[in-house]
Amino acid sequence: MAAGDEQLMLAYREGDAGAFDELYRRHKGGLFRFVLRSLRDRAVAEELYQEIWMRAIEARGRYEPQAKFSTWLYTIAHNRLVDHWRKKGLQVVSLDTESEISANPGFEPPRILEARQALEKFTRALEALPPAQREAFLLHQEAEMSVPEIARATGTNEEAAKSRLRYAVSKLKEAIGDG
């Protein structure tokens, strides 16, 4: 039976480097997508992503499994993003940069074209969300967090987290024509 994230973090806290490797493997994709979608600047996202993991490493001696490991990790990410936004101010920029979406000249099968258009529509809707709603939605989708976990990670109460998530989902459905 595979060890849970909390047990792995406790093992890492006690010096098991392999436990960290497994935690990193399990959470690297979701955490990076969360940071990238929150910032929409790959270079800055990569830098902050590394800083988040460094902070997790530095905090390992203080780790206590009072919540799921992912909640603890995404709380670190949330706090680092808040620090970043405070320094830079909130900016909304497009996810659709030339480096991210390669234009393929020539024929695109209708399904691929429809999928690309739907993704672009969803991306614009996600970008248009207020930052707190976008963050709640991304924590729910990328980290598979429940409302209480979102509240804990963002330092708010459950009612506020629930409201942010509900409004985000409602606005996204309305924007993509599914509501």
Protein backbone atom coordinates (compact mmCIF):
# COMPACT_ATOMS: atom_id res chain seq x y z
CA MET A 1 0.00 0.00 0.00
CA ALA A 2 1.32 3.42 -0.97
CA ALA A 3 2.11 5.87 1.79
CA GLY A 4 -0.14 8.91 2.11
CA ASP A 5 1.28 12.36 1.54
CA GLU A 6 1.18 13.21 5.24
CA GLN A 7 3.21 10.10 6.12
CA LEU A 8 5.68 10.91 3.35
CA MET A 9 6.12 14.45 4.64
CA LEU A 10 6.68 13.14 8.17
CA ALA A 11 9.28 10.71 6.79
CA TYR A 12 10.94 13.56 4.92
CA ARG A 13 10.89 15.67 8.07
CA GLU A 14 12.83 12.83 9.72
CA GLY A 15 15.44 12.76 6.95
CA ASP A 16 14.06 10.43 4.23
CA ALA A 17 14.99 12.25 1.00
CA GLY A 18 13.17 9.61 -1.06
CA ALA A 19 9.92 10.64 0.61
CA PHE A 20 10.42 14.17 -0.70
CA ASP A 21 11.09 12.84 -4.19
CA GLU A 22 7.75 11.02 -4.10
CA LEU A 23 5.88 14.10 -2.79
CA TYR A 24 7.45 16.21 -5.52
CA ARG A 25 6.50 13.65 -8.17
CA ARG A 26 2.89 13.58 -6.96
CA HIS A 27 2.38 17.34 -6.73
CA LYS A 28 4.69 18.97 -9.26
CA GLY A 29 2.21 19.11 -12.16
CA GLY A 30 -0.80 20.43 -10.29
CA LEU A 31 1.21 22.94 -8.30
CA PHE A 32 2.97 24.29 -11.38
CA ARG A 33 -0.31 24.61 -13.31
CA PHE A 34 -1.83 26.45 -10.32
CA VAL A 35 1.08 28.90 -10.17
CA LEU A 36 1.23 29.39 -13.95
CA ARG A 37 -2.50 29.98 -14.28
CA SER A 38 -2.40 32.37 -11.35
CA LEU A 39 0.42 34.45 -12.86
CA ARG A 40 0.23 33.78 -16.60
CA ASP A 41 3.96 34.47 -17.01
CA ARG A 42 5.97 31.28 -17.45
CA ALA A 43 9.32 32.74 -16.33
CA VAL A 44 7.88 34.24 -13.14
CA ALA A 45 5.80 31.11 -12.52
CA GLU A 46 8.88 28.89 -12.78
CA GLU A 47 10.76 31.11 -10.34
CA LEU A 48 7.93 31.22 -7.80
CA TYR A 49 7.30 27.49 -8.22
CA GLN A 50 10.89 26.79 -7.19
CA GLU A 51 10.58 29.23 -4.28
CA ILE A 52 7.43 27.44 -3.09
CA TRP A 53 9.24 24.09 -3.03
CA MET A 54 12.20 25.73 -1.27
CA ARG A 55 9.87 27.12 1.39
CA ALA A 56 8.32 23.66 1.82
CA ILE A 57 11.80 22.20 2.25
CA GLU A 58 12.76 24.91 4.75
CA ALA A 59 9.52 24.37 6.71
CA ARG A 60 9.79 20.57 6.88
CA GLY A 61 11.02 20.68 10.48
CA ARG A 62 7.86 22.54 11.52
CA TYR A 63 5.46 20.35 9.53
CA GLU A 64 2.58 18.93 11.56
CA PRO A 65 -0.19 17.01 9.75
CA GLN A 66 -3.06 19.22 10.93
CA ALA A 67 -4.50 19.19 7.41
CA LYS A 68 -3.86 17.34 4.18
CA PHE A 69 -0.34 17.77 2.82
CA SER A 70 -1.75 19.36 -0.33
CA THR A 71 -3.56 21.96 1.78
CA TRP A 72 -0.29 22.76 3.56
CA LEU A 73 1.62 22.96 0.25
CA TYR A 74 -0.98 25.12 -1.49
CA THR A 75 -1.13 27.41 1.55
CA ILE A 76 2.58 28.02 1.03
CA ALA A 77 1.86 28.66 -2.67
CA HIS A 78 -1.02 31.01 -1.86
CA ASN A 79 1.10 32.99 0.57
CA ARG A 80 3.97 33.24 -1.93
CA LEU A 81 1.58 34.41 -4.66
CA VAL A 82 0.08 37.01 -2.32
CA ASP A 83 3.60 38.28 -1.57
CA HIS A 84 4.28 38.48 -5.30
CA TRP A 85 1.00 40.31 -6.04
CA ARG A 86 1.62 42.78 -3.23
CA LYS A 87 5.00 43.65 -4.72
CA LYS A 88 3.81 43.84 -8.34
CA GLY A 89 0.12 44.64 -8.05
CA LEU A 90 -2.48 42.42 -9.68
CA GLN A 91 -2.18 42.20 -13.43
CA VAL A 92 -4.41 40.30 -15.78
CA VAL A 93 -2.63 39.23 -18.93
CA SER A 94 -3.52 36.73 -21.57
CA LEU A 95 -2.62 33.06 -21.28
CA ASP A 96 -2.55 32.86 -25.06
CA THR A 97 1.03 33.89 -25.71
CA GLU A 98 2.73 32.90 -28.92
CA SER A 99 5.14 30.69 -26.99
CA GLU A 100 2.27 28.82 -25.35
CA ILE A 101 -0.02 28.22 -28.33
CA SER A 102 1.71 27.38 -31.57
CA ALA A 103 -0.22 28.44 -34.61
CA ASN A 104 -0.45 25.59 -37.09
CA PRO A 105 -0.99 27.07 -40.55
CA GLY A 106 -3.11 25.08 -42.86
CA PHE A 107 -6.01 22.75 -42.32
CA GLU A 108 -7.26 21.88 -38.85
CA PRO A 109 -9.88 19.17 -38.56
CA PRO A 110 -13.20 20.63 -37.32
CA ARG A 111 -13.00 18.84 -33.95
CA ILE A 112 -9.56 20.25 -33.23
CA LEU A 113 -10.68 23.73 -34.28
CA GLU A 114 -13.78 23.46 -32.05
CA ALA A 115 -11.68 22.22 -29.14
CA ARG A 116 -9.17 25.05 -29.59
CA GLN A 117 -11.97 27.63 -29.74
CA ALA A 118 -13.64 26.15 -26.64
CA LEU A 119 -10.32 26.20 -24.77
CA GLU A 120 -9.69 29.81 -25.78
CA LYS A 121 -13.21 30.77 -24.67
CA PHE A 122 -12.72 29.02 -21.32
CA THR A 123 -9.28 30.62 -20.87
CA ARG A 124 -10.72 34.11 -21.45
CA ALA A 125 -13.51 33.37 -18.98
CA LEU A 126 -11.04 32.10 -16.39
CA GLU A 127 -8.87 35.21 -16.84
CA ALA A 128 -11.92 37.45 -16.42
CA LEU A 129 -12.72 36.05 -12.98
CA PRO A 130 -11.80 38.19 -9.98
CA PRO A 131 -8.50 36.89 -8.53
CA ALA A 132 -10.07 35.40 -5.37
CA GLN A 133 -12.64 33.46 -7.42
CA ARG A 134 -10.02 32.29 -9.93
CA GLU A 135 -7.82 31.10 -7.08
CA ALA A 136 -10.68 29.18 -5.41
CA PHE A 137 -11.57 27.54 -8.73
CA LEU A 138 -7.96 26.58 -9.48
CA LEU A 139 -7.40 25.18 -5.99
CA HIS A 140 -10.55 23.10 -6.40
CA GLN A 141 -9.60 21.87 -9.87
CA GLU A 142 -5.81 21.59 -9.72
CA ALA A 143 -5.33 20.54 -6.10
CA GLU A 144 -8.68 18.79 -5.79
CA MET A 145 -9.32 20.75 -2.60
CA SER A 146 -12.65 20.78 -0.82
CA VAL A 147 -14.25 24.03 0.36
CA PRO A 148 -12.82 23.68 3.91
CA GLU A 149 -9.36 23.04 2.44
CA ILE A 150 -9.66 26.07 0.15
CA ALA A 151 -10.67 28.18 3.14
CA ARG A 152 -7.70 26.96 5.13
CA ALA A 153 -5.23 27.43 2.24
CA THR A 154 -6.39 30.98 1.52
CA GLY A 155 -6.85 32.06 5.13
CA THR A 156 -10.55 32.75 4.81
CA ASN A 157 -13.69 31.16 6.22
CA GLU A 158 -15.61 28.31 4.61
CA GLU A 159 -18.57 30.49 3.62
CA ALA A 160 -16.31 32.89 1.72
CA ALA A 161 -14.48 30.00 0.02
CA LYS A 162 -17.77 28.34 -0.91
CA SER A 163 -19.14 31.61 -2.28
CA ARG A 164 -15.99 32.29 -4.33
CA LEU A 165 -16.06 28.81 -5.81
CA ARG A 166 -19.79 28.95 -6.54
CA TYR A 167 -19.52 32.34 -8.25
CA ALA A 168 -16.48 31.21 -10.25
CA VAL A 169 -18.25 28.10 -11.53
CA SER A 170 -21.39 30.07 -12.31
CA LYS A 171 -19.49 32.75 -14.23
CA LEU A 172 -17.47 30.16 -16.15
CA LYS A 173 -20.59 28.21 -17.12
CA GLU A 174 -22.29 31.43 -18.23
CA ALA A 175 -19.26 32.52 -20.24
CA ILE A 176 -18.91 29.23 -22.10
CA GLY A 177 -22.65 28.92 -22.65
CA ASP A 178 -23.27 25.98 -20.34
CA GLY A 179 -25.44 27.58 -17.76
